[in-house]
Amino acid sequence: MSTLVVIDYDDPYNEAQEVRLTLKKMQMDYLIDLEDAVVAVKKAESFS
């Protein structure tokens, strides 16, 4: 069974990428089982 986790960051280009890289490192160290990790960005001006 998979679990989807969504976290909202004010600065996805720095904070979210840093967390994604940390998760990937934890997976390489066999601390977590990670199926996939992605950073998705929504531009506010696209939805006006």
N, C-alpha and C. Protein backbone atom coordinates (compact mmCIF):
# COMPACT_ATOMS: atom_id res chain seq x y z
N MET A 1 0.84 -1.17 0.00
CA MET A 1 0.00 0.00 0.00
C MET A 1 0.89 1.24 0.00
N SER A 2 0.54 2.20 -0.83
CA SER A 2 1.30 3.45 -0.94
C SER A 2 0.63 4.56 -0.15
N THR A 3 1.43 5.52 0.24
CA THR A 3 0.94 6.70 0.93
C THR A 3 1.38 7.93 0.15
N LEU A 4 0.44 8.81 -0.15
CA LEU A 4 0.75 10.04 -0.85
C LEU A 4 0.88 11.15 0.18
N VAL A 5 2.00 11.85 0.15
CA VAL A 5 2.24 12.96 1.07
C VAL A 5 2.44 14.22 0.24
N VAL A 6 1.70 15.27 0.57
CA VAL A 6 1.81 16.55 -0.13
C VAL A 6 2.21 17.61 0.88
N ILE A 7 3.24 18.38 0.55
CA ILE A 7 3.71 19.45 1.42
C ILE A 7 3.80 20.72 0.59
N ASP A 8 3.27 21.81 1.11
CA ASP A 8 3.28 23.09 0.41
C ASP A 8 4.41 23.96 0.96
N TYR A 9 5.24 24.47 0.05
CA TYR A 9 6.34 25.35 0.44
C TYR A 9 6.17 26.70 -0.23
N ASP A 10 6.60 27.76 0.44
CA ASP A 10 6.57 29.10 -0.16
C ASP A 10 7.60 29.21 -1.29
N ASP A 11 8.72 28.52 -1.15
CA ASP A 11 9.79 28.58 -2.15
C ASP A 11 10.12 27.17 -2.63
N PRO A 12 9.38 26.67 -3.62
CA PRO A 12 9.58 25.29 -4.07
C PRO A 12 10.93 25.05 -4.71
N TYR A 13 11.56 26.09 -5.22
CA TYR A 13 12.82 25.90 -5.92
C TYR A 13 13.97 25.63 -4.97
N ASN A 14 13.86 26.04 -3.72
CA ASN A 14 14.94 25.79 -2.76
C ASN A 14 14.52 24.78 -1.71
N GLU A 15 13.48 25.10 -0.96
CA GLU A 15 13.04 24.23 0.13
C GLU A 15 12.60 22.86 -0.35
N ALA A 16 11.72 22.82 -1.34
CA ALA A 16 11.17 21.55 -1.81
C ALA A 16 12.25 20.68 -2.45
N GLN A 17 13.13 21.29 -3.23
CA GLN A 17 14.21 20.52 -3.85
C GLN A 17 15.15 19.95 -2.79
N GLU A 18 15.42 20.73 -1.76
CA GLU A 18 16.30 20.27 -0.68
C GLU A 18 15.68 19.06 0.04
N VAL A 19 14.39 19.12 0.31
CA VAL A 19 13.71 18.01 0.98
C VAL A 19 13.70 16.77 0.07
N ARG A 20 13.44 16.97 -1.22
CA ARG A 20 13.44 15.85 -2.16
C ARG A 20 14.81 15.17 -2.21
N LEU A 21 15.88 15.96 -2.23
CA LEU A 21 17.22 15.39 -2.23
C LEU A 21 17.53 14.65 -0.93
N THR A 22 17.05 15.19 0.18
CA THR A 22 17.23 14.53 1.48
C THR A 22 16.51 13.19 1.51
N LEU A 23 15.29 13.15 0.98
CA LEU A 23 14.54 11.89 0.92
C LEU A 23 15.25 10.86 0.06
N LYS A 24 15.79 11.31 -1.09
CA LYS A 24 16.52 10.39 -1.97
C LYS A 24 17.76 9.83 -1.26
N LYS A 25 18.46 10.67 -0.49
CA LYS A 25 19.63 10.21 0.26
C LYS A 25 19.22 9.20 1.33
N MET A 26 18.11 9.48 2.01
CA MET A 26 17.62 8.55 3.03
C MET A 26 17.28 7.20 2.41
N GLN A 27 16.74 7.22 1.19
CA GLN A 27 16.42 5.97 0.50
C GLN A 27 17.71 5.21 0.18
N MET A 28 18.73 5.92 -0.27
CA MET A 28 20.01 5.28 -0.59
C MET A 28 20.65 4.66 0.66
N ASP A 29 20.37 5.25 1.82
CA ASP A 29 20.89 4.73 3.09
C ASP A 29 19.96 3.69 3.71
N TYR A 30 18.92 3.28 2.96
CA TYR A 30 17.94 2.27 3.40
C TYR A 30 17.19 2.68 4.67
N LEU A 31 16.95 3.97 4.82
CA LEU A 31 16.20 4.45 5.98
C LEU A 31 14.71 4.56 5.68
N ILE A 32 14.37 4.77 4.42
CA ILE A 32 12.97 4.83 3.98
C ILE A 32 12.82 4.08 2.68
N ASP A 33 11.59 3.70 2.36
CA ASP A 33 11.28 3.07 1.08
C ASP A 33 10.48 4.08 0.27
N LEU A 34 11.13 4.66 -0.72
CA LEU A 34 10.54 5.74 -1.49
C LEU A 34 10.26 5.25 -2.90
N GLU A 35 8.99 5.30 -3.32
CA GLU A 35 8.65 4.89 -4.68
C GLU A 35 8.95 6.00 -5.67
N ASP A 36 8.61 7.24 -5.33
CA ASP A 36 8.83 8.35 -6.22
C ASP A 36 8.75 9.64 -5.44
N ALA A 37 9.42 10.67 -5.93
CA ALA A 37 9.36 11.99 -5.31
C ALA A 37 9.38 13.02 -6.43
N VAL A 38 8.56 14.03 -6.30
CA VAL A 38 8.46 15.04 -7.34
C VAL A 38 8.20 16.40 -6.71
N VAL A 39 8.67 17.44 -7.38
CA VAL A 39 8.35 18.81 -6.99
C VAL A 39 7.48 19.38 -8.11
N ALA A 40 6.25 19.72 -7.78
CA ALA A 40 5.32 20.29 -8.75
C ALA A 40 5.09 21.75 -8.40
N VAL A 41 5.14 22.61 -9.40
CA VAL A 41 5.00 24.04 -9.17
C VAL A 41 3.82 24.58 -9.98
N LYS A 42 2.95 25.32 -9.32
CA LYS A 42 1.81 25.95 -9.98
C LYS A 42 2.07 27.46 -10.02
N LYS A 43 2.05 28.00 -11.22
CA LYS A 43 2.23 29.45 -11.36
C LYS A 43 0.90 30.13 -11.15
N ALA A 44 0.83 31.04 -10.21
CA ALA A 44 -0.43 31.71 -9.85
C ALA A 44 -1.01 32.48 -11.01
N GLU A 45 -0.20 33.12 -11.84
CA GLU A 45 -0.71 33.93 -12.93
C GLU A 45 -1.39 33.09 -14.02
N SER A 46 -1.15 31.80 -14.04
CA SER A 46 -1.77 30.92 -15.03
C SER A 46 -3.23 30.64 -14.72
N PHE A 47 -3.67 30.88 -13.50
CA PHE A 47 -5.02 30.52 -13.08
C PHE A 47 -5.84 31.74 -12.69
N SER A 48 -5.63 32.86 -13.32
CA SER A 48 -6.38 34.06 -12.95
C SER A 48 -7.69 34.17 -13.68
